[in-house]
Amino acid sequence: MPNPDLLSILICPRCKGALSSAGTAEKPLLACHACNLGYPIENDIPIMLGDRARPLKEAAEGQTVNEGEGE
């Protein structure tokens, strides 16, 4: 989960609303409840890109990777 000091200064890139910690230890998220979006955290780095945001329900189910991003 993100450092509380970092969390206090991050805002949602879409609506500029407050973010909160969400998800699980394996799939942490930053959640914007105003937009109902979840932003993934990968290797302790919040991925604050609009195209990586997912609806909170979808993000909570672990579907945080981009569609079509296969190897």
Foldseek 3Di string as FASTA:
>chain_A
DADPVVQVPDAQPPPRHHWDWDEDPVWIWTADPVVQWTFTQDPNRTDRDPQQIDRVVCSNVPPRDHPPPDD
